[in-house]
Amino acid sequence: MADGTGGVHGGLSVRSKATVLMSHTHLGNICYHAAMAKTQLGARVDEDVAELARKRAADLGLSIGDYLARLVQDDASGLRTRAVDAAARFLADHQAVFDDAEEAQQAPRGGRAA
């Protein structure tokens, strides 16, 4: 990769694209920003994983590359771990409320006392 345009690293095919200035409209405002240089990665995954990635990306209105970038950034930033930890704390703090609601749903309704 002496010329900086491509090569192979750790079994992955890698290609780079130059940084460009981009503009788009966000909430009625024109935003200008420099896009980060894009690197093309090639990886092999099971077909079911590839299909799931395609579906989730489409659901979110993202390209597969943007979807994968979001997943990696969330993972690297610890966002996913913090979210799971916060959910676990919430459930632990409010478990009694959930237990009471479940018991109320399971209790017979309109039953007669003997």
PDB file of N, CA and C in Angstrom:
ATOM      1  N   MET A   1       0.825  -1.183   0.000  1.00  0.00           N
ATOM      2  CA  MET A   1       0.000   0.000   0.000  1.00  0.00           C
ATOM      3  C   MET A   1       0.869   1.245   0.000  1.00  0.00           C
ATOM      4  N   ALA A   2       1.918   1.227  -0.732  1.00  0.00           N
ATOM      5  CA  ALA A   2       2.865   2.340  -0.759  1.00  0.00           C
ATOM      6  C   ALA A   2       2.242   3.612  -1.296  1.00  0.00           C
ATOM      7  N   ASP A   3       1.299   3.475  -2.248  1.00  0.00           N
ATOM      8  CA  ASP A   3       0.711   4.681  -2.833  1.00  0.00           C
ATOM      9  C   ASP A   3      -0.527   5.161  -2.068  1.00  0.00           C
ATOM     10  N   GLY A   4      -0.955   4.451  -1.031  1.00  0.00           N
ATOM     11  CA  GLY A   4      -2.090   4.868  -0.208  1.00  0.00           C
ATOM     12  C   GLY A   4      -3.439   4.614  -0.836  1.00  0.00           C
ATOM     13  N   THR A   5      -3.507   3.857  -1.938  1.00  0.00           N
ATOM     14  CA  THR A   5      -4.790   3.651  -2.599  1.00  0.00           C
ATOM     15  C   THR A   5      -5.404   2.294  -2.329  1.00  0.00           C
ATOM     16  N   GLY A   6      -4.659   1.351  -1.806  1.00  0.00           N
ATOM     17  CA  GLY A   6      -5.271   0.057  -1.538  1.00  0.00           C
ATOM     18  C   GLY A   6      -4.259  -0.943  -1.047  1.00  0.00           C
ATOM     19  N   GLY A   7      -4.733  -2.114  -0.665  1.00  0.00           N
ATOM     20  CA  GLY A   7      -3.847  -3.158  -0.177  1.00  0.00           C
ATOM     21  C   GLY A   7      -4.628  -4.186   0.599  1.00  0.00           C
ATOM     22  N   VAL A   8      -3.897  -5.083   1.240  1.00  0.00           N
ATOM     23  CA  VAL A   8      -4.530  -6.129   2.032  1.00  0.00           C
ATOM     24  C   VAL A   8      -3.978  -6.051   3.445  1.00  0.00           C
ATOM     25  N   HIS A   9      -4.861  -6.036   4.438  1.00  0.00           N
ATOM     26  CA  HIS A   9      -4.485  -5.990   5.850  1.00  0.00           C
ATOM     27  C   HIS A   9      -5.236  -7.077   6.583  1.00  0.00           C
ATOM     28  N   GLY A  10      -4.533  -7.973   7.234  1.00  0.00           N
ATOM     29  CA  GLY A  10      -5.173  -8.989   8.064  1.00  0.00           C
ATOM     30  C   GLY A  10      -6.222  -9.794   7.340  1.00  0.00           C
ATOM     31  N   GLY A  11      -6.035 -10.071   6.058  1.00  0.00           N
ATOM     32  CA  GLY A  11      -7.002 -10.858   5.304  1.00  0.00           C
ATOM     33  C   GLY A  11      -8.173 -10.062   4.763  1.00  0.00           C
ATOM     34  N   LEU A  12      -8.232  -8.753   5.028  1.00  0.00           N
ATOM     35  CA  LEU A  12      -9.302  -7.911   4.518  1.00  0.00           C
ATOM     36  C   LEU A  12      -8.791  -7.094   3.348  1.00  0.00           C
ATOM     37  N   SER A  13      -9.605  -6.980   2.329  1.00  0.00           N
ATOM     38  CA  SER A  13      -9.274  -6.111   1.210  1.00  0.00           C
ATOM     39  C   SER A  13      -9.560  -4.680   1.636  1.00  0.00           C
ATOM     40  N   VAL A  14      -8.648  -3.750   1.365  1.00  0.00           N
ATOM     41  CA  VAL A  14      -8.803  -2.373   1.820  1.00  0.00           C
ATOM     42  C   VAL A  14      -8.554  -1.414   0.660  1.00  0.00           C
ATOM     43  N   ARG A  15      -9.469  -0.445   0.473  1.00  0.00           N
ATOM     44  CA  ARG A  15      -9.305   0.631  -0.496  1.00  0.00           C
ATOM     45  C   ARG A  15      -9.704   1.931   0.157  1.00  0.00           C
ATOM     46  N   SER A  16      -9.032   3.010  -0.168  1.00  0.00           N
ATOM     47  CA  SER A  16      -9.348   4.309   0.423  1.00  0.00           C
ATOM     48  C   SER A  16      -9.869   5.265  -0.640  1.00  0.00           C
ATOM     49  N   LYS A  17     -10.723   6.202  -0.212  1.00  0.00           N
ATOM     50  CA  LYS A  17     -11.269   7.237  -1.078  1.00  0.00           C
ATOM     51  C   LYS A  17     -10.938   8.586  -0.450  1.00  0.00           C
ATOM     52  N   ALA A  18     -10.665   9.587  -1.250  1.00  0.00           N
ATOM     53  CA  ALA A  18     -10.257  10.899  -0.759  1.00  0.00           C
ATOM     54  C   ALA A  18     -11.373  11.576   0.028  1.00  0.00           C
ATOM     55  N   THR A  19     -10.982  12.485   0.912  1.00  0.00           N
ATOM     56  CA  THR A  19     -11.922  13.297   1.671  1.00  0.00           C
ATOM     57  C   THR A  19     -12.522  14.357   0.747  1.00  0.00           C
ATOM     58  N   VAL A  20     -13.828  14.581   0.861  1.00  0.00           N
ATOM     59  CA  VAL A  20     -14.498  15.579   0.031  1.00  0.00           C
ATOM     60  C   VAL A  20     -15.358  16.468   0.911  1.00  0.00           C
ATOM     61  N   LEU A  21     -15.638  17.673   0.436  1.00  0.00           N
ATOM     62  CA  LEU A  21     -16.539  18.572   1.130  1.00  0.00           C
ATOM     63  C   LEU A  21     -17.946  18.267   0.659  1.00  0.00           C
ATOM     64  N   MET A  22     -18.842  18.048   1.591  1.00  0.00           N
ATOM     65  CA  MET A  22     -20.211  17.682   1.245  1.00  0.00           C
ATOM     66  C   MET A  22     -21.176  18.689   1.857  1.00  0.00           C
ATOM     67  N   SER A  23     -22.334  18.839   1.235  1.00  0.00           N
ATOM     68  CA  SER A  23     -23.388  19.642   1.838  1.00  0.00           C
ATOM     69  C   SER A  23     -24.685  18.865   1.742  1.00  0.00           C
ATOM     70  N   HIS A  24     -25.551  19.074   2.724  1.00  0.00           N
ATOM     71  CA  HIS A  24     -26.876  18.470   2.711  1.00  0.00           C
ATOM     72  C   HIS A  24     -27.785  19.350   3.558  1.00  0.00           C
ATOM     73  N   THR A  25     -29.070  19.123   3.436  1.00  0.00           N
ATOM     74  CA  THR A  25     -30.031  19.878   4.219  1.00  0.00           C
ATOM     75  C   THR A  25     -30.471  19.033   5.401  1.00  0.00           C
ATOM     76  N   HIS A  26     -30.394  19.593   6.594  1.00  0.00           N
ATOM     77  CA  HIS A  26     -30.816  18.909   7.810  1.00  0.00           C
ATOM     78  C   HIS A  26     -31.743  19.833   8.569  1.00  0.00           C
ATOM     79  N   LEU A  27     -33.001  19.425   8.731  1.00  0.00           N
ATOM     80  CA  LEU A  27     -33.997  20.223   9.437  1.00  0.00           C
ATOM     81  C   LEU A  27     -34.084  21.640   8.886  1.00  0.00           C
ATOM     82  N   GLY A  28     -34.020  21.758   7.548  1.00  0.00           N
ATOM     83  CA  GLY A  28     -34.169  23.037   6.895  1.00  0.00           C
ATOM     84  C   GLY A  28     -32.900  23.872   6.838  1.00  0.00           C
ATOM     85  N   ASN A  29     -31.818  23.415   7.447  1.00  0.00           N
ATOM     86  CA  ASN A  29     -30.549  24.140   7.431  1.00  0.00           C
ATOM     87  C   ASN A  29     -29.578  23.439   6.499  1.00  0.00           C
ATOM     88  N   ILE A  30     -28.797  24.213   5.767  1.00  0.00           N
ATOM     89  CA  ILE A  30     -27.785  23.616   4.914  1.00  0.00           C
ATOM     90  C   ILE A  30     -26.550  23.368   5.767  1.00  0.00           C
ATOM     91  N   CYS A  31     -26.099  22.131   5.780  1.00  0.00           N
ATOM     92  CA  CYS A  31     -24.931  21.748   6.577  1.00  0.00           C
ATOM     93  C   CYS A  31     -23.784  21.431   5.632  1.00  0.00           C
ATOM     94  N   TYR A  32     -22.617  21.973   5.914  1.00  0.00           N
ATOM     95  CA  TYR A  32     -21.415  21.672   5.156  1.00  0.00           C
ATOM     96  C   TYR A  32     -20.452  20.961   6.093  1.00  0.00           C
ATOM     97  N   HIS A  33     -19.883  19.882   5.633  1.00  0.00           N
ATOM     98  CA  HIS A  33     -18.885  19.188   6.443  1.00  0.00           C
ATOM     99  C   HIS A  33     -17.964  18.394   5.536  1.00  0.00           C
ATOM    100  N   ALA A  34     -16.806  18.128   6.038  1.00  0.00           N
ATOM    101  CA  ALA A  34     -15.862  17.297   5.299  1.00  0.00           C
ATOM    102  C   ALA A  34     -16.174  15.847   5.633  1.00  0.00           C
ATOM    103  N   ALA A  35     -16.428  15.055   4.610  1.00  0.00           N
ATOM    104  CA  ALA A  35     -16.682  13.637   4.828  1.00  0.00           C
ATOM    105  C   ALA A  35     -15.359  12.963   5.153  1.00  0.00           C
ATOM    106  N   MET A  36     -15.415  12.023   6.049  1.00  0.00           N
ATOM    107  CA  MET A  36     -14.202  11.294   6.384  1.00  0.00           C
ATOM    108  C   MET A  36     -13.808  10.438   5.198  1.00  0.00           C
ATOM    109  N   ALA A  37     -12.526  10.207   5.057  1.00  0.00           N
ATOM    110  CA  ALA A  37     -12.050   9.333   3.989  1.00  0.00           C
ATOM    111  C   ALA A  37     -12.699   7.968   4.170  1.00  0.00           C
ATOM    112  N   LYS A  38     -13.153   7.387   3.106  1.00  0.00           N
ATOM    113  CA  LYS A  38     -13.824   6.089   3.161  1.00  0.00           C
ATOM    114  C   LYS A  38     -12.834   4.997   2.804  1.00  0.00           C
ATOM    115  N   THR A  39     -12.863   3.926   3.547  1.00  0.00           N
ATOM    116  CA  THR A  39     -12.039   2.761   3.294  1.00  0.00           C
ATOM    117  C   THR A  39     -12.959   1.592   3.030  1.00  0.00           C
ATOM    118  N   GLN A  40     -12.704   0.880   1.964  1.00  0.00           N
ATOM    119  CA  GLN A  40     -13.530  -0.267   1.608  1.00  0.00           C
ATOM    120  C   GLN A  40     -12.976  -1.512   2.280  1.00  0.00           C
ATOM    121  N   LEU A  41     -13.829  -2.216   3.022  1.00  0.00           N
ATOM    122  CA  LEU A  41     -13.449  -3.459   3.674  1.00  0.00           C
ATOM    123  C   LEU A  41     -14.236  -4.602   3.047  1.00  0.00           C
ATOM    124  N   GLY A  42     -13.615  -5.732   2.911  1.00  0.00           N
ATOM    125  CA  GLY A  42     -14.319  -6.921   2.444  1.00  0.00           C
ATOM    126  C   GLY A  42     -14.251  -7.975   3.529  1.00  0.00           C
ATOM    127  N   ALA A  43     -15.382  -8.511   3.938  1.00  0.00           N
ATOM    128  CA  ALA A  43     -15.410  -9.537   4.979  1.00  0.00           C
ATOM    129  C   ALA A  43     -16.432 -10.595   4.595  1.00  0.00           C
ATOM    130  N   ARG A  44     -16.204 -11.810   5.018  1.00  0.00           N
ATOM    131  CA  ARG A  44     -17.130 -12.897   4.742  1.00  0.00           C
ATOM    132  C   ARG A  44     -17.948 -13.195   5.996  1.00  0.00           C
ATOM    133  N   VAL A  45     -19.270 -13.256   5.818  1.00  0.00           N
ATOM    134  CA  VAL A  45     -20.181 -13.594   6.909  1.00  0.00           C
ATOM    135  C   VAL A  45     -21.192 -14.608   6.387  1.00  0.00           C
ATOM    136  N   ASP A  46     -21.865 -15.287   7.303  1.00  0.00           N
ATOM    137  CA  ASP A  46     -22.910 -16.225   6.916  1.00  0.00           C
ATOM    138  C   ASP A  46     -24.027 -15.473   6.197  1.00  0.00           C
ATOM    139  N   GLU A  47     -24.715 -16.144   5.284  1.00  0.00           N
ATOM    140  CA  GLU A  47     -25.781 -15.509   4.498  1.00  0.00           C
ATOM    141  C   GLU A  47     -26.877 -14.934   5.385  1.00  0.00           C
ATOM    142  N   ASP A  48     -27.238 -15.642   6.469  1.00  0.00           N
ATOM    143  CA  ASP A  48     -28.295 -15.127   7.344  1.00  0.00           C
ATOM    144  C   ASP A  48     -27.864 -13.826   8.032  1.00  0.00           C
ATOM    145  N   VAL A  49     -26.587 -13.700   8.365  1.00  0.00           N
ATOM    146  CA  VAL A  49     -26.078 -12.460   8.960  1.00  0.00           C
ATOM    147  C   VAL A  49     -26.095 -11.338   7.918  1.00  0.00           C
ATOM    148  N   ALA A  50     -25.690 -11.654   6.697  1.00  0.00           N
ATOM    149  CA  ALA A  50     -25.692 -10.653   5.624  1.00  0.00           C
ATOM    150  C   ALA A  50     -27.115 -10.164   5.352  1.00  0.00           C
ATOM    151  N   GLU A  51     -28.065 -11.075   5.315  1.00  0.00           N
ATOM    152  CA  GLU A  51     -29.463 -10.693   5.059  1.00  0.00           C
ATOM    153  C   GLU A  51     -30.012  -9.836   6.193  1.00  0.00           C
ATOM    154  N   LEU A  52     -29.699 -10.208   7.413  1.00  0.00           N
ATOM    155  CA  LEU A  52     -30.139  -9.419   8.564  1.00  0.00           C
ATOM    156  C   LEU A  52     -29.545  -8.008   8.516  1.00  0.00           C
ATOM    157  N   ALA A  53     -28.270  -7.902   8.154  1.00  0.00           N
ATOM    158  CA  ALA A  53     -27.629  -6.585   8.029  1.00  0.00           C
ATOM    159  C   ALA A  53     -28.307  -5.753   6.949  1.00  0.00           C
ATOM    160  N   ARG A  54     -28.616  -6.375   5.804  1.00  0.00           N
ATOM    161  CA  ARG A  54     -29.297  -5.649   4.722  1.00  0.00           C
ATOM    162  C   ARG A  54     -30.668  -5.150   5.175  1.00  0.00           C
ATOM    163  N   LYS A  55     -31.420  -6.002   5.864  1.00  0.00           N
ATOM    164  CA  LYS A  55     -32.763  -5.620   6.325  1.00  0.00           C
ATOM    165  C   LYS A  55     -32.708  -4.503   7.360  1.00  0.00           C
ATOM    166  N   ARG A  56     -31.820  -4.629   8.350  1.00  0.00           N
ATOM    167  CA  ARG A  56     -31.727  -3.605   9.395  1.00  0.00           C
ATOM    168  C   ARG A  56     -31.268  -2.274   8.805  1.00  0.00           C
ATOM    169  N   ALA A  57     -30.302  -2.322   7.890  1.00  0.00           N
ATOM    170  CA  ALA A  57     -29.842  -1.085   7.242  1.00  0.00           C
ATOM    171  C   ALA A  57     -30.989  -0.427   6.492  1.00  0.00           C
ATOM    172  N   ALA A  58     -31.754  -1.219   5.753  1.00  0.00           N
ATOM    173  CA  ALA A  58     -32.891  -0.676   5.004  1.00  0.00           C
ATOM    174  C   ALA A  58     -33.942  -0.100   5.952  1.00  0.00           C
ATOM    175  N   ASP A  59     -34.218  -0.798   7.050  1.00  0.00           N
ATOM    176  CA  ASP A  59     -35.192  -0.308   8.039  1.00  0.00           C
ATOM    177  C   ASP A  59     -34.799   1.061   8.577  1.00  0.00           C
ATOM    178  N   LEU A  60     -33.494   1.274   8.720  1.00  0.00           N
ATOM    179  CA  LEU A  60     -32.987   2.533   9.267  1.00  0.00           C
ATOM    180  C   LEU A  60     -32.705   3.574   8.194  1.00  0.00           C
ATOM    181  N   GLY A  61     -32.911   3.207   6.921  1.00  0.00           N
ATOM    182  CA  GLY A  61     -32.639   4.132   5.823  1.00  0.00           C
ATOM    183  C   GLY A  61     -31.155   4.382   5.615  1.00  0.00           C
ATOM    184  N   LEU A  62     -30.329   3.382   5.943  1.00  0.00           N
ATOM    185  CA  LEU A  62     -28.882   3.514   5.824  1.00  0.00           C
ATOM    186  C   LEU A  62     -28.343   2.536   4.794  1.00  0.00           C
ATOM    187  N   SER A  63     -27.195   2.872   4.250  1.00  0.00           N
ATOM    188  CA  SER A  63     -26.477   1.894   3.434  1.00  0.00           C
ATOM    189  C   SER A  63     -25.900   0.857   4.395  1.00  0.00           C
ATOM    190  N   ILE A  64     -25.519  -0.293   3.877  1.00  0.00           N
ATOM    191  CA  ILE A  64     -24.918  -1.313   4.736  1.00  0.00           C
ATOM    192  C   ILE A  64     -23.625  -0.774   5.346  1.00  0.00           C
ATOM    193  N   GLY A  65     -22.834  -0.048   4.558  1.00  0.00           N
ATOM    194  CA  GLY A  65     -21.600   0.528   5.079  1.00  0.00           C
ATOM    195  C   GLY A  65     -21.848   1.493   6.226  1.00  0.00           C
ATOM    196  N   ASP A  66     -22.858   2.373   6.079  1.00  0.00           N
ATOM    197  CA  ASP A  66     -23.178   3.318   7.145  1.00  0.00           C
ATOM    198  C   ASP A  66     -23.729   2.592   8.373  1.00  0.00           C
ATOM    199  N   TYR A  67     -24.529   1.545   8.153  1.00  0.00           N
ATOM    200  CA  TYR A  67     -25.068   0.758   9.259  1.00  0.00           C
ATOM    201  C   TYR A  67     -23.937   0.085  10.037  1.00  0.00           C
ATOM    202  N   LEU A  68     -23.009  -0.546   9.318  1.00  0.00           N
ATOM    203  CA  LEU A  68     -21.884  -1.206   9.986  1.00  0.00           C
ATOM    204  C   LEU A  68     -21.002  -0.188  10.709  1.00  0.00           C
ATOM    205  N   ALA A  69     -20.797   0.973  10.098  1.00  0.00           N
ATOM    206  CA  ALA A  69     -20.007   2.021  10.748  1.00  0.00           C
ATOM    207  C   ALA A  69     -20.667   2.448  12.051  1.00  0.00           C
ATOM    208  N   ARG A  70     -22.003   2.584  12.045  1.00  0.00           N
ATOM    209  CA  ARG A  70     -22.735   2.971  13.252  1.00  0.00           C
ATOM    210  C   ARG A  70     -22.570   1.909  14.340  1.00  0.00           C
ATOM    211  N   LEU A  71     -22.680   0.628  13.965  1.00  0.00           N
ATOM    212  CA  LEU A  71     -22.513  -0.445  14.941  1.00  0.00           C
ATOM    213  C   LEU A  71     -21.127  -0.426  15.566  1.00  0.00           C
ATOM    214  N   VAL A  72     -20.111  -0.247  14.735  1.00  0.00           N
ATOM    215  CA  VAL A  72     -18.736  -0.230  15.238  1.00  0.00           C
ATOM    216  C   VAL A  72     -18.522   0.982  16.144  1.00  0.00           C
ATOM    217  N   GLN A  73     -19.015   2.148  15.729  1.00  0.00           N
ATOM    218  CA  GLN A  73     -18.848   3.348  16.545  1.00  0.00           C
ATOM    219  C   GLN A  73     -19.564   3.211  17.883  1.00  0.00           C
ATOM    220  N   ASP A  74     -20.784   2.663  17.864  1.00  0.00           N
ATOM    221  CA  ASP A  74     -21.523   2.445  19.114  1.00  0.00           C
ATOM    222  C   ASP A  74     -20.777   1.477  20.022  1.00  0.00           C
ATOM    223  N   ASP A  75     -20.235   0.412  19.444  1.00  0.00           N
ATOM    224  CA  ASP A  75     -19.496  -0.571  20.219  1.00  0.00           C
ATOM    225  C   ASP A  75     -18.221   0.040  20.796  1.00  0.00           C
ATOM    226  N   ALA A  76     -17.482   0.749  19.967  1.00  0.00           N
ATOM    227  CA  ALA A  76     -16.210   1.327  20.407  1.00  0.00           C
ATOM    228  C   ALA A  76     -16.414   2.420  21.445  1.00  0.00           C
ATOM    229  N   SER A  77     -17.508   3.145  21.354  1.00  0.00           N
ATOM    230  CA  SER A  77     -17.769   4.221  22.308  1.00  0.00           C
ATOM    231  C   SER A  77     -18.326   3.698  23.620  1.00  0.00           C
ATOM    232  N   GLY A  78     -18.724   2.424  23.659  1.00  0.00           N
ATOM    233  CA  GLY A  78     -19.312   1.856  24.863  1.00  0.00           C
ATOM    234  C   GLY A  78     -20.791   2.145  24.979  1.00  0.00           C
ATOM    235  N   LEU A  79     -21.394   2.752  23.956  1.00  0.00           N
ATOM    236  CA  LEU A  79     -22.811   3.103  24.005  1.00  0.00           C
ATOM    237  C   LEU A  79     -23.681   1.883  24.259  1.00  0.00           C
ATOM    238  N   ARG A  80     -23.436   0.805  23.537  1.00  0.00           N
ATOM    239  CA  ARG A  80     -24.258  -0.395  23.686  1.00  0.00           C
ATOM    240  C   ARG A  80     -24.136  -0.956  25.111  1.00  0.00           C
ATOM    241  N   THR A  81     -22.926  -0.999  25.632  1.00  0.00           N
ATOM    242  CA  THR A  81     -22.712  -1.511  26.984  1.00  0.00           C
ATOM    243  C   THR A  81     -23.409  -0.637  28.012  1.00  0.00           C
ATOM    244  N   ARG A  82     -23.299   0.692  27.841  1.00  0.00           N
ATOM    245  CA  ARG A  82     -23.962   1.601  28.786  1.00  0.00           C
ATOM    246  C   ARG A  82     -25.473   1.450  28.714  1.00  0.00           C
ATOM    247  N   ALA A  83     -26.025   1.242  27.520  1.00  0.00           N
ATOM    248  CA  ALA A  83     -27.476   1.085  27.380  1.00  0.00           C
ATOM    249  C   ALA A  83     -27.948  -0.202  28.054  1.00  0.00           C
ATOM    250  N   VAL A  84     -27.221  -1.293  27.852  1.00  0.00           N
ATOM    251  CA  VAL A  84     -27.594  -2.566  28.483  1.00  0.00           C
ATOM    252  C   VAL A  84     -27.485  -2.454  30.002  1.00  0.00           C
ATOM    253  N   ASP A  85     -26.421  -1.823  30.478  1.00  0.00           N
ATOM    254  CA  ASP A  85     -26.254  -1.631  31.922  1.00  0.00           C
ATOM    255  C   ASP A  85     -27.379  -0.778  32.500  1.00  0.00           C
ATOM    256  N   ALA A  86     -27.768   0.281  31.791  1.00  0.00           N
ATOM    257  CA  ALA A  86     -28.853   1.148  32.262  1.00  0.00           C
ATOM    258  C   ALA A  86     -30.173   0.385  32.309  1.00  0.00           C
ATOM    259  N   ALA A  87     -30.425  -0.450  31.303  1.00  0.00           N
ATOM    260  CA  ALA A  87     -31.652  -1.252  31.293  1.00  0.00           C
ATOM    261  C   ALA A  87     -31.656  -2.241  32.454  1.00  0.00           C
ATOM    262  N   ALA A  88     -30.519  -2.854  32.729  1.00  0.00           N
ATOM    263  CA  ALA A  88     -30.427  -3.801  33.846  1.00  0.00           C
ATOM    264  C   ALA A  88     -30.672  -3.094  35.181  1.00  0.00           C
ATOM    265  N   ARG A  89     -30.095  -1.891  35.342  1.00  0.00           N
ATOM    266  CA  ARG A  89     -30.327  -1.127  36.581  1.00  0.00           C
ATOM    267  C   ARG A  89     -31.794  -0.749  36.730  1.00  0.00           C
ATOM    268  N   PHE A  90     -32.426  -0.333  35.618  1.00  0.00           N
ATOM    269  CA  PHE A  90     -33.839   0.040  35.645  1.00  0.00           C
ATOM    270  C   PHE A  90     -34.694  -1.144  36.085  1.00  0.00           C
ATOM    271  N   LEU A  91     -34.438  -2.300  35.476  1.00  0.00           N
ATOM    272  CA  LEU A  91     -35.216  -3.492  35.842  1.00  0.00           C
ATOM    273  C   LEU A  91     -34.991  -3.876  37.294  1.00  0.00           C
ATOM    274  N   ALA A  92     -33.750  -3.809  37.762  1.00  0.00           N
ATOM    275  CA  ALA A  92     -33.456  -4.148  39.161  1.00  0.00           C
ATOM    276  C   ALA A  92     -34.154  -3.176  40.111  1.00  0.00           C
ATOM    277  N   ASP A  93     -34.148  -1.902  39.776  1.00  0.00           N
ATOM    278  CA  ASP A  93     -34.766  -0.891  40.637  1.00  0.00           C
ATOM    279  C   ASP A  93     -36.282  -0.995  40.673  1.00  0.00           C
ATOM    280  N   HIS A  94     -36.886  -1.489  39.600  1.00  0.00           N
ATOM    281  CA  HIS A  94     -38.343  -1.492  39.494  1.00  0.00           C
ATOM    282  C   HIS A  94     -38.932  -2.895  39.382  1.00  0.00           C
ATOM    283  N   GLN A  95     -38.179  -3.906  39.758  1.00  0.00           N
ATOM    284  CA  GLN A  95     -38.652  -5.276  39.623  1.00  0.00           C
ATOM    285  C   GLN A  95     -39.965  -5.504  40.373  1.00  0.00           C
ATOM    286  N   ALA A  96     -40.135  -4.904  41.537  1.00  0.00           N
ATOM    287  CA  ALA A  96     -41.360  -5.080  42.319  1.00  0.00           C
ATOM    288  C   ALA A  96     -42.588  -4.598  41.548  1.00  0.00           C
ATOM    289  N   VAL A  97     -42.454  -3.516  40.809  1.00  0.00           N
ATOM    290  CA  VAL A  97     -43.571  -2.987  40.013  1.00  0.00           C
ATOM    291  C   VAL A  97     -43.962  -4.001  38.938  1.00  0.00           C
ATOM    292  N   PHE A  98     -42.957  -4.581  38.271  1.00  0.00           N
ATOM    293  CA  PHE A  98     -43.233  -5.575  37.239  1.00  0.00           C
ATOM    294  C   PHE A  98     -43.850  -6.827  37.846  1.00  0.00           C
ATOM    295  N   ASP A  99     -43.355  -7.244  39.014  1.00  0.00           N
ATOM    296  CA  ASP A  99     -43.913  -8.423  39.677  1.00  0.00           C
ATOM    297  C   ASP A  99     -45.372  -8.200  40.059  1.00  0.00           C
ATOM    298  N   ASP A 100     -45.681  -7.008  40.612  1.00  0.00           N
ATOM    299  CA  ASP A 100     -47.061  -6.684  40.993  1.00  0.00           C
ATOM    300  C   ASP A 100     -47.981  -6.686  39.776  1.00  0.00           C
ATOM    301  N   ALA A 101     -47.519  -6.114  38.672  1.00  0.00           N
ATOM    302  CA  ALA A 101     -48.334  -6.072  37.452  1.00  0.00           C
ATOM    303  C   ALA A 101     -48.582  -7.475  36.926  1.00  0.00           C
ATOM    304  N   GLU A 102     -47.578  -8.327  36.973  1.00  0.00           N
ATOM    305  CA  GLU A 102     -47.737  -9.698  36.499  1.00  0.00           C
ATOM    306  C   GLU A 102     -48.709 -10.467  37.391  1.00  0.00           C
ATOM    307  N   GLU A 103     -48.606 -10.288  38.704  1.00  0.00           N
ATOM    308  CA  GLU A 103     -49.531 -10.953  39.626  1.00  0.00           C
ATOM    309  C   GLU A 103     -50.959 -10.485  39.401  1.00  0.00           C
ATOM    310  N   ALA A 104     -51.127  -9.187  39.142  1.00  0.00           N
ATOM    311  CA  ALA A 104     -52.470  -8.644  38.900  1.00  0.00           C
ATOM    312  C   ALA A 104     -53.081  -9.239  37.641  1.00  0.00           C
ATOM    313  N   GLN A 105     -52.255  -9.485  36.613  1.00  0.00           N
ATOM    314  CA  GLN A 105     -52.763 -10.083  35.380  1.00  0.00           C
ATOM    315  C   GLN A 105     -53.133 -11.542  35.573  1.00  0.00           C
ATOM    316  N   GLN A 106     -52.444 -12.230  36.470  1.00  0.00           N
ATOM    317  CA  GLN A 106     -52.678 -13.660  36.673  1.00  0.00           C
ATOM    318  C   GLN A 106     -53.780 -13.932  37.678  1.00  0.00           C
ATOM    319  N   ALA A 107     -54.173 -12.950  38.467  1.00  0.00           N
ATOM    320  CA  ALA A 107     -55.205 -13.147  39.494  1.00  0.00           C
ATOM    321  C   ALA A 107     -56.556 -13.370  38.817  1.00  0.00           C
ATOM    322  N   PRO A 108     -57.341 -14.334  39.328  1.00  0.00           N
ATOM    323  CA  PRO A 108     -58.670 -14.578  38.729  1.00  0.00           C
ATOM    324  C   PRO A 108     -59.549 -13.355  38.911  1.00  0.00           C
ATOM    325  N   ARG A 109     -60.283 -13.061  37.858  1.00  0.00           N
ATOM    326  CA  ARG A 109     -61.160 -11.888  37.887  1.00  0.00           C
ATOM    327  C   ARG A 109     -62.598 -12.322  38.162  1.00  0.00           C
ATOM    328  N   GLY A 110     -63.254 -11.599  39.015  1.00  0.00           N
ATOM    329  CA  GLY A 110     -64.669 -11.847  39.266  1.00  0.00           C
ATOM    330  C   GLY A 110     -64.942 -13.149  39.980  1.00  0.00           C
ATOM    331  N   GLY A 111     -63.935 -13.724  40.587  1.00  0.00           N
ATOM    332  CA  GLY A 111     -64.126 -14.976  41.291  1.00  0.00           C
ATOM    333  C   GLY A 111     -64.933 -14.747  42.576  1.00  0.00           C
ATOM    334  N   ARG A 112     -65.626 -15.779  42.995  1.00  0.00           N
ATOM    335  CA  ARG A 112     -66.425 -15.681  44.206  1.00  0.00           C
ATOM    336  C   ARG A 112     -65.695 -16.312  45.380  1.00  0.00           C
ATOM    337  N   ALA A 113     -65.823 -15.687  46.509  1.00  0.00           N
ATOM    338  CA  ALA A 113     -65.227 -16.257  47.714  1.00  0.00           C
ATOM    339  C   ALA A 113     -66.108 -17.377  48.198  1.00  0.00           C
ATOM    340  N   ALA A 114     -65.509 -18.448  48.660  1.00  0.00           N
ATOM    341  CA  ALA A 114     -66.294 -19.588  49.122  1.00  0.00           C
ATOM    342  C   ALA A 114     -66.683 -19.451  50.548  1.00  0.00           C
TER     343      ALA A 114
END
